[in-house]
């Protein structure tokens, strides 16, 4: 089990999503994150296997890769 962490910017880049979308998922409880100072870090072992996001053509489900 990986005990690493990833930043919001790095997760957004790896999923081709905006940072705003990641922050909304954190606020909504879909992604677990910890606030450190003014930044958030996301434990990679707590990432969901699937993430539902809303795009221009409606909702889509992303299958998250192992990070």
C-alpha atoms as a PDB file:
ATOM      1  CA  UNK A   1       0.000   0.000   0.000  1.00  0.00           C
ATOM      2  CA  UNK A   2       1.472   3.329  -1.090  1.00  0.00           C
ATOM      3  CA  UNK A   3       1.633   5.923   1.698  1.00  0.00           C
ATOM      4  CA  UNK A   4       2.579   8.760  -0.649  1.00  0.00           C
ATOM      5  CA  UNK A   5       0.860  12.056  -1.219  1.00  0.00           C
ATOM      6  CA  UNK A   6       0.041  14.046  -4.340  1.00  0.00           C
ATOM      7  CA  UNK A   7      -0.725  17.732  -4.745  1.00  0.00           C
ATOM      8  CA  UNK A   8      -3.970  19.078  -6.164  1.00  0.00           C
ATOM      9  CA  UNK A   9      -2.119  20.443  -9.198  1.00  0.00           C
ATOM     10  CA  UNK A  10      -0.382  17.116  -9.898  1.00  0.00           C
ATOM     11  CA  UNK A  11      -3.631  15.140  -9.562  1.00  0.00           C
ATOM     12  CA  UNK A  12      -5.455  17.572 -11.837  1.00  0.00           C
ATOM     13  CA  UNK A  13      -2.697  17.313 -14.435  1.00  0.00           C
ATOM     14  CA  UNK A  14      -2.592  13.503 -14.322  1.00  0.00           C
ATOM     15  CA  UNK A  15      -6.392  13.291 -14.792  1.00  0.00           C
ATOM     16  CA  UNK A  16      -6.604  16.127 -17.355  1.00  0.00           C
ATOM     17  CA  UNK A  17      -8.958  18.042 -15.074  1.00  0.00           C
ATOM     18  CA  UNK A  18      -8.823  21.569 -13.711  1.00  0.00           C
ATOM     19  CA  UNK A  19      -7.606  22.343 -10.204  1.00  0.00           C
ATOM     20  CA  UNK A  20     -11.066  23.837  -9.521  1.00  0.00           C
ATOM     21  CA  UNK A  21     -12.684  20.463 -10.284  1.00  0.00           C
ATOM     22  CA  UNK A  22     -10.339  18.727  -7.843  1.00  0.00           C
ATOM     23  CA  UNK A  23     -11.088  21.340  -5.152  1.00  0.00           C
ATOM     24  CA  UNK A  24     -14.843  20.813  -5.706  1.00  0.00           C
ATOM     25  CA  UNK A  25     -14.377  17.045  -5.297  1.00  0.00           C
ATOM     26  CA  UNK A  26     -12.436  17.645  -2.067  1.00  0.00           C
ATOM     27  CA  UNK A  27     -15.131  19.993  -0.745  1.00  0.00           C
ATOM     28  CA  UNK A  28     -17.852  17.511  -1.749  1.00  0.00           C
ATOM     29  CA  UNK A  29     -16.107  14.671   0.083  1.00  0.00           C
ATOM     30  CA  UNK A  30     -15.340  12.619  -3.026  1.00  0.00           C
ATOM     31  CA  UNK A  31     -11.583  12.994  -2.511  1.00  0.00           C
ATOM     32  CA  UNK A  32      -9.865  12.858   0.892  1.00  0.00           C
ATOM     33  CA  UNK A  33      -7.344  15.652   1.408  1.00  0.00           C
ATOM     34  CA  UNK A  34      -5.470  17.273   4.266  1.00  0.00           C
ATOM     35  CA  UNK A  35      -4.783  20.973   4.555  1.00  0.00           C
ATOM     36  CA  UNK A  36      -1.145  21.809   5.209  1.00  0.00           C
ATOM     37  CA  UNK A  37      -0.674  25.544   5.579  1.00  0.00           C
ATOM     38  CA  UNK A  38      -2.462  27.052   2.596  1.00  0.00           C
ATOM     39  CA  UNK A  39      -2.192  23.920   0.444  1.00  0.00           C
ATOM     40  CA  UNK A  40      -3.942  20.570   0.271  1.00  0.00           C
ATOM     41  CA  UNK A  41      -2.237  17.205  -0.035  1.00  0.00           C
ATOM     42  CA  UNK A  42      -4.057  14.078  -1.121  1.00  0.00           C
ATOM     43  CA  UNK A  43      -3.003  10.647   0.190  1.00  0.00           C
ATOM     44  CA  UNK A  44      -2.667   8.380  -2.829  1.00  0.00           C
ATOM     45  CA  UNK A  45      -3.924   5.344  -0.928  1.00  0.00           C
ATOM     46  CA  UNK A  46      -7.221   7.184  -0.192  1.00  0.00           C
ATOM     47  CA  UNK A  47      -8.019   8.070  -3.814  1.00  0.00           C
ATOM     48  CA  UNK A  48     -11.263   6.504  -5.033  1.00  0.00           C
ATOM     49  CA  UNK A  49     -11.041   3.923  -7.818  1.00  0.00           C
ATOM     50  CA  UNK A  50     -13.660   5.827  -9.841  1.00  0.00           C
ATOM     51  CA  UNK A  51     -14.422   9.526  -9.931  1.00  0.00           C
ATOM     52  CA  UNK A  52     -17.558  10.979 -11.487  1.00  0.00           C
ATOM     53  CA  UNK A  53     -17.063  14.397 -13.090  1.00  0.00           C
ATOM     54  CA  UNK A  54     -19.276  16.684 -15.104  1.00  0.00           C
ATOM     55  CA  UNK A  55     -17.998  17.696 -18.509  1.00  0.00           C
ATOM     56  CA  UNK A  56     -19.376  19.627 -21.463  1.00  0.00           C
ATOM     57  CA  UNK A  57     -21.339  16.607 -22.683  1.00  0.00           C
ATOM     58  CA  UNK A  58     -22.700  15.627 -19.257  1.00  0.00           C
ATOM     59  CA  UNK A  59     -21.300  13.322 -16.607  1.00  0.00           C
ATOM     60  CA  UNK A  60     -18.464  10.883 -17.174  1.00  0.00           C
ATOM     61  CA  UNK A  61     -16.785   8.394 -14.891  1.00  0.00           C
ATOM     62  CA  UNK A  62     -13.000   8.381 -14.730  1.00  0.00           C
ATOM     63  CA  UNK A  63     -11.158   5.224 -13.753  1.00  0.00           C
ATOM     64  CA  UNK A  64      -8.211   6.459 -11.723  1.00  0.00           C
ATOM     65  CA  UNK A  65      -4.795   4.948 -12.393  1.00  0.00           C
ATOM     66  CA  UNK A  66      -2.630   3.640  -9.576  1.00  0.00           C
ATOM     67  CA  UNK A  67      -0.458   6.558  -8.470  1.00  0.00           C
END
